C-alpha atoms as a PDB file:
ATOM      1  CA  MET A   1      78.951 224.984  84.351  1.00  0.00           C
ATOM      2  CA  ILE A   2      76.734 226.109  81.403  1.00  0.00           C
ATOM      3  CA  ILE A   3      78.039 229.090  79.605  1.00  0.00           C
ATOM      4  CA  GLN A   4      75.092 231.174  78.397  1.00  0.00           C
ATOM      5  CA  ASP A   5      76.995 233.460  76.074  1.00  0.00           C
ATOM      6  CA  ASN A   6      80.461 234.409  75.001  1.00  0.00           C
ATOM      7  CA  LEU A   7      80.945 236.862  77.936  1.00  0.00           C
ATOM      8  CA  GLY A   8      81.280 233.912  80.298  1.00  0.00           C
ATOM      9  CA  LEU A   9      78.002 234.373  82.010  1.00  0.00           C
ATOM     10  CA  THR A  10      76.871 231.179  83.791  1.00  0.00           C
ATOM     11  CA  GLU A  11      74.066 230.230  86.108  1.00  0.00           C
ATOM     12  CA  LYS A  12      76.274 231.089  89.085  1.00  0.00           C
ATOM     13  CA  GLY A  13      77.769 234.319  87.786  1.00  0.00           C
ATOM     14  CA  LEU A  14      80.564 235.460  85.474  1.00  0.00           C
ATOM     15  CA  VAL A  15      83.669 233.438  84.613  1.00  0.00           C
ATOM     16  CA  ILE A  16      86.484 235.566  83.275  1.00  0.00           C
ATOM     17  CA  PRO A  17      89.853 234.588  81.899  1.00  0.00           C
ATOM     18  CA  ARG A  18      93.017 235.694  83.717  1.00  0.00           C
ATOM     19  CA  GLY A  19      95.323 238.176  82.104  1.00  0.00           C
ATOM     20  CA  LYS A  20      98.026 235.572  81.863  1.00  0.00           C
ATOM     21  CA  ALA A  21      97.642 232.138  80.142  1.00  0.00           C
ATOM     22  CA  GLY A  22      97.674 229.084  82.398  1.00  0.00           C
ATOM     23  CA  GLN A  23      95.984 230.650  85.372  1.00  0.00           C
ATOM     24  CA  THR A  24      92.603 229.545  86.768  1.00  0.00           C
ATOM     25  CA  PRO A  25      89.771 231.731  85.560  1.00  0.00           C
ATOM     26  CA  ILE A  26      88.131 233.971  88.049  1.00  0.00           C
ATOM     27  CA  GLU A  27      84.497 233.292  89.075  1.00  0.00           C
ATOM     28  CA  ILE A  28      82.541 236.395  90.001  1.00  0.00           C
ATOM     29  CA  PRO A  29      79.172 235.669  91.666  1.00  0.00           C
ATOM     30  CA  LEU A  30      76.586 238.121  90.362  1.00  0.00           C
ATOM     31  CA  LYS A  31      73.526 237.195  92.394  1.00  0.00           C
ATOM     32  CA  GLU A  32      73.748 240.219  94.632  1.00  0.00           C
ATOM     33  CA  ILE A  33      74.339 242.450  91.548  1.00  0.00           C
ATOM     34  CA  HIS A  34      71.317 240.974  89.831  1.00  0.00           C
ATOM     35  CA  ASP A  35      69.215 241.463  92.946  1.00  0.00           C
ATOM     36  CA  ILE A  36      70.178 245.112  93.146  1.00  0.00           C
ATOM     37  CA  GLU A  37      69.650 245.571  89.453  1.00  0.00           C
ATOM     38  CA  ALA A  38      66.192 244.139  89.725  1.00  0.00           C
ATOM     39  CA  ARG A  39      65.300 246.888  92.189  1.00  0.00           C
ATOM     40  CA  ILE A  40      65.902 249.674  89.651  1.00  0.00           C
ATOM     41  CA  PRO A  41      62.258 249.680  88.402  1.00  0.00           C
ATOM     42  CA  GLU A  42      61.171 250.245  92.049  1.00  0.00           C
ATOM     43  CA  ILE A  43      62.225 253.856  91.655  1.00  0.00           C
ATOM     44  CA  GLN A  44      59.083 254.662  89.608  1.00  0.00           C
ATOM     45  CA  ARG A  45      56.748 253.705  92.423  1.00  0.00           C
ATOM     46  CA  SER A  46      58.963 254.686  95.356  1.00  0.00           C
ATOM     47  CA  THR A  47      57.866 256.770  98.397  1.00  0.00           C
ATOM     48  CA  PRO A  48      59.750 258.767 100.978  1.00  0.00           C
ATOM     49  CA  VAL A  49      59.628 255.586 103.099  1.00  0.00           C
ATOM     50  CA  THR A  50      61.199 253.248 100.494  1.00  0.00           C
ATOM     51  CA  LEU A  51      63.700 255.672  98.902  1.00  0.00           C
ATOM     52  CA  PRO A  52      66.332 255.434 101.632  1.00  0.00           C
ATOM     53  CA  ASP A  53      66.547 251.643 101.180  1.00  0.00           C
ATOM     54  CA  LEU A  54      66.801 252.018  97.439  1.00  0.00           C
ATOM     55  CA  VAL A  55      69.555 254.585  97.719  1.00  0.00           C
ATOM     56  CA  THR A  56      71.452 252.344 100.113  1.00  0.00           C
ATOM     57  CA  GLN A  57      71.048 249.339  97.836  1.00  0.00           C
ATOM     58  CA  PHE A  58      72.321 251.303  94.800  1.00  0.00           C
ATOM     59  CA  THR A  59      75.230 252.611  96.848  1.00  0.00           C
ATOM     60  CA  LEU A  60      76.183 249.035  97.813  1.00  0.00           C
ATOM     61  CA  GLY A  61      75.802 248.045  94.198  1.00  0.00           C
ATOM     62  CA  ILE A  62      78.218 250.741  93.169  1.00  0.00           C
ATOM     63  CA  LEU A  63      80.693 249.587  95.828  1.00  0.00           C
ATOM     64  CA  LYS A  64      80.448 245.983  94.816  1.00  0.00           C
ATOM     65  CA  MET A  65      80.857 246.866  91.098  1.00  0.00           C
ATOM     66  CA  SER A  66      83.840 249.095  91.943  1.00  0.00           C
ATOM     67  CA  LYS A  67      85.564 246.169  93.567  1.00  0.00           C
ATOM     68  CA  ILE A  68      84.797 243.838  90.651  1.00  0.00           C
ATOM     69  CA  LEU A  69      85.840 246.415  88.079  1.00  0.00           C
ATOM     70  CA  ALA A  70      89.096 246.945  89.891  1.00  0.00           C
ATOM     71  CA  MET A  71      89.785 243.197  89.740  1.00  0.00           C
ATOM     72  CA  VAL A  72      88.916 243.086  86.050  1.00  0.00           C
ATOM     73  CA  ASP A  73      91.040 246.140  85.421  1.00  0.00           C
ATOM     74  CA  LEU A  74      94.031 244.392  86.945  1.00  0.00           C
ATOM     75  CA  GLU A  75      93.495 241.426  84.653  1.00  0.00           C
ATOM     76  CA  VAL A  76      93.173 243.729  81.630  1.00  0.00           C
ATOM     77  CA  ARG A  77      96.483 245.309  82.500  1.00  0.00           C
ATOM     78  CA  GLU A  78      98.097 241.869  82.837  1.00  0.00           C
ATOM     79  CA  ALA A  79      96.569 240.786  79.529  1.00  0.00           C
ATOM     80  CA  LYS A  80      97.992 243.888  77.781  1.00  0.00           C
ATOM     81  CA  ARG A  81     101.455 243.093  79.228  1.00  0.00           C
ATOM     82  CA  THR A  82     101.090 239.495  78.087  1.00  0.00           C
ATOM     83  CA  LEU A  83     100.113 240.622  74.605  1.00  0.00           C
ATOM     84  CA  GLU A  84     103.090 242.987  74.368  1.00  0.00           C
ATOM     85  CA  HIS A  85     105.378 240.151  75.522  1.00  0.00           C
ATOM     86  CA  ALA A  86     103.963 237.726  73.002  1.00  0.00           C
ATOM     87  CA  ARG A  87     104.381 240.309  70.172  1.00  0.00           C
ATOM     88  CA  ALA A  88     107.953 241.098  71.188  1.00  0.00           C
ATOM     89  CA  SER A  89     108.843 237.383  71.516  1.00  0.00           C
ATOM     90  CA  CYS A  90     107.469 236.715  68.062  1.00  0.00           C
ATOM     91  CA  LEU A  91     109.263 239.630  66.569  1.00  0.00           C
ATOM     92  CA  LEU A  92     112.659 238.715  68.107  1.00  0.00           C
ATOM     93  CA  GLU A  93     112.386 234.906  67.895  1.00  0.00           C
ATOM     94  CA  ARG A  94     110.067 233.800  65.142  1.00  0.00           C
ATOM     95  CA  ALA A  95     109.005 236.502  62.701  1.00  0.00           C
ATOM     96  CA  GLU A  96     112.102 236.208  60.416  1.00  0.00           C
ATOM     97  CA  ASP A  97     111.830 232.409  60.305  1.00  0.00           C
ATOM     98  CA  ILE A  98     108.130 232.599  59.387  1.00  0.00           C
ATOM     99  CA  LEU A  99     108.916 235.071  56.584  1.00  0.00           C
ATOM    100  CA  LYS A 100     111.782 232.832  55.287  1.00  0.00           C
ATOM    101  CA  LYS A 101     109.508 229.743  55.219  1.00  0.00           C
ATOM    102  CA  LYS A 102     106.885 231.666  53.324  1.00  0.00           C
ATOM    103  CA  ALA A 103     109.525 233.183  51.010  1.00  0.00           C
ATOM    104  CA  VAL A 104     108.392 236.722  51.788  1.00  0.00           C
ATOM    105  CA  LYS A 105     110.757 239.654  51.879  1.00  0.00           C
ATOM    106  CA  SER A 106     111.180 241.055  55.383  1.00  0.00           C
ATOM    107  CA  SER A 107     109.795 244.559  56.012  1.00  0.00           C
ATOM    108  CA  THR A 108     107.970 246.297  58.743  1.00  0.00           C
ATOM    109  CA  ASP A 109     104.653 245.410  57.271  1.00  0.00           C
ATOM    110  CA  THR A 110     105.412 241.752  56.662  1.00  0.00           C
ATOM    111  CA  ARG A 111     106.875 241.368  60.177  1.00  0.00           C
ATOM    112  CA  ASP A 112     103.720 242.969  61.588  1.00  0.00           C
ATOM    113  CA  ALA A 113     101.686 240.515  59.533  1.00  0.00           C
ATOM    114  CA  ALA A 114     103.725 237.542  60.794  1.00  0.00           C
ATOM    115  CA  ILE A 115     103.294 238.738  64.377  1.00  0.00           C
ATOM    116  CA  THR A 116      99.523 239.199  63.920  1.00  0.00           C
ATOM    117  CA  LEU A 117      99.218 235.573  62.733  1.00  0.00           C
ATOM    118  CA  ASP A 118     101.431 234.034  65.458  1.00  0.00           C
ATOM    119  CA  PRO A 119      99.328 231.682  67.598  1.00  0.00           C
ATOM    120  CA  ASP A 120     100.711 233.105  70.935  1.00  0.00           C
ATOM    121  CA  VAL A 121      99.813 236.599  69.866  1.00  0.00           C
ATOM    122  CA  VAL A 122      96.343 235.538  68.659  1.00  0.00           C
ATOM    123  CA  GLN A 123      95.635 233.778  72.002  1.00  0.00           C
ATOM    124  CA  ALA A 124      96.860 236.871  74.003  1.00  0.00           C
ATOM    125  CA  GLN A 125      94.800 239.193  71.838  1.00  0.00           C
ATOM    126  CA  ASP A 126      91.681 237.000  72.301  1.00  0.00           C
ATOM    127  CA  ARG A 127      92.188 237.026  76.061  1.00  0.00           C
ATOM    128  CA  LEU A 128      92.549 240.817  76.109  1.00  0.00           C
ATOM    129  CA  ASP A 129      89.481 241.272  73.909  1.00  0.00           C
ATOM    130  CA  ALA A 130      87.378 238.987  76.171  1.00  0.00           C
ATOM    131  CA  LEU A 131      88.492 240.923  79.288  1.00  0.00           C
ATOM    132  CA  LEU A 132      87.721 244.237  77.584  1.00  0.00           C
ATOM    133  CA  ALA A 133      84.208 243.011  76.739  1.00  0.00           C
ATOM    134  CA  VAL A 134      83.611 241.899  80.358  1.00  0.00           C
ATOM    135  CA  GLN A 135      84.930 245.323  81.531  1.00  0.00           C
ATOM    136  CA  ALA A 136      82.516 247.185  79.263  1.00  0.00           C
ATOM    137  CA  PHE A 137      79.609 244.950  80.368  1.00  0.00           C
ATOM    138  CA  LEU A 138      80.345 245.544  84.035  1.00  0.00           C
ATOM    139  CA  THR A 139      80.921 249.240  83.558  1.00  0.00           C
ATOM    140  CA  GLY A 140      77.461 249.434  82.039  1.00  0.00           C
ATOM    141  CA  LYS A 141      75.984 247.839  85.169  1.00  0.00           C
ATOM    142  CA  ASN A 142      77.950 250.248  87.337  1.00  0.00           C
ATOM    143  CA  ASN A 143      76.657 253.186  85.341  1.00  0.00           C
ATOM    144  CA  ALA A 144      73.108 251.908  85.677  1.00  0.00           C
ATOM    145  CA  PHE A 145      73.563 251.803  89.470  1.00  0.00           C
ATOM    146  CA  GLU A 146      74.898 255.318  89.449  1.00  0.00           C
ATOM    147  CA  MET A 147      71.996 256.591  87.393  1.00  0.00           C
ATOM    148  CA  ALA A 148      69.548 254.814  89.623  1.00  0.00           C
ATOM    149  CA  TYR A 149      71.183 256.271  92.676  1.00  0.00           C
ATOM    150  CA  HIS A 150      71.001 259.771  91.324  1.00  0.00           C
ATOM    151  CA  GLY A 151      67.432 259.257  90.074  1.00  0.00           C
ATOM    152  CA  ALA A 152      66.318 258.068  93.467  1.00  0.00           C
ATOM    153  CA  LYS A 153      68.038 260.974  95.143  1.00  0.00           C
ATOM    154  CA  LYS A 154      66.222 263.421  92.799  1.00  0.00           C
ATOM    155  CA  ILE A 155      62.875 261.907  93.533  1.00  0.00           C
ATOM    156  CA  CYS A 156      63.649 262.220  97.254  1.00  0.00           C
ATOM    157  CA  ASP A 157      64.478 265.901  96.675  1.00  0.00           C
ATOM    158  CA  VAL A 158      61.154 266.393  94.854  1.00  0.00           C
ATOM    159  CA  PHE A 159      59.311 264.837  97.873  1.00  0.00           C
ATOM    160  CA  ILE A 160      61.115 267.121 100.224  1.00  0.00           C
ATOM    161  CA  LYS A 161      60.449 270.258  98.173  1.00  0.00           C
ATOM    162  CA  THR A 162      56.805 269.608  97.361  1.00  0.00           C
ATOM    163  CA  PRO A 163      54.359 271.883  99.205  1.00  0.00           C
ATOM    164  CA  SER A 164      52.245 268.901 100.312  1.00  0.00           C
ATOM    165  CA  SER A 165      55.182 267.324 101.998  1.00  0.00           C
ATOM    166  CA  PRO A 166      55.507 267.647 105.743  1.00  0.00           C
ATOM    167  CA  LEU A 167      59.194 268.305 105.130  1.00  0.00           C
ATOM    168  CA  TYR A 168      58.507 271.308 102.849  1.00  0.00           C
ATOM    169  CA  ALA A 169      60.134 274.471 104.217  1.00  0.00           C
ATOM    170  CA  GLY A 170      58.977 276.949 101.586  1.00  0.00           C
ATOM    171  CA  GLU A 171      55.883 278.705 102.955  1.00  0.00           C
ATOM    172  CA  LYS A 172      56.451 278.050 106.619  1.00  0.00           C
ATOM    173  CA  TYR A 173      59.978 279.315 106.306  1.00  0.00           C
ATOM    174  CA  ARG A 174      58.770 282.563 104.685  1.00  0.00           C
ATOM    175  CA  GLU A 175      56.110 283.088 107.445  1.00  0.00           C
ATOM    176  CA  GLN A 176      58.748 282.946 110.159  1.00  0.00           C
ATOM    177  CA  GLU A 177      60.731 285.876 108.605  1.00  0.00           C
END
């Protein structure tokens, strides 16, 4: 597995950490998503014949992304709970000892500083940050599919409302009145 960047993108897809430490990372295959994403430029040269296929593909992309985003959202929520637990554990069990070892007077600020530097808290925060970055990345892809869907629908509407279109109802409709 070759990681291409710090988001966890690999040749096969996306590898994301779990919200709780010690669990196996989740592998999300992105081939179908990339295939749909690659069709976005087809909107500019689409015709009434190709538009239904594009709209269907973008709809499927939105559905797939919604499923993936729901899974990532669940992991983000778990990571937030894990971070809160790590912070609470440090505050109740280790913060005072850390301050005594460093000969620092205990106050709200110094306890917060001790908690921020605790290795368990740092690890939990890093996991949450990674999941939030993945969530933002995937949300961007989902938004692109939604924009492509609406763009394709607008183009389809233009084809239908153009006087040269056989589906145009403007003049013919007025003549029937």
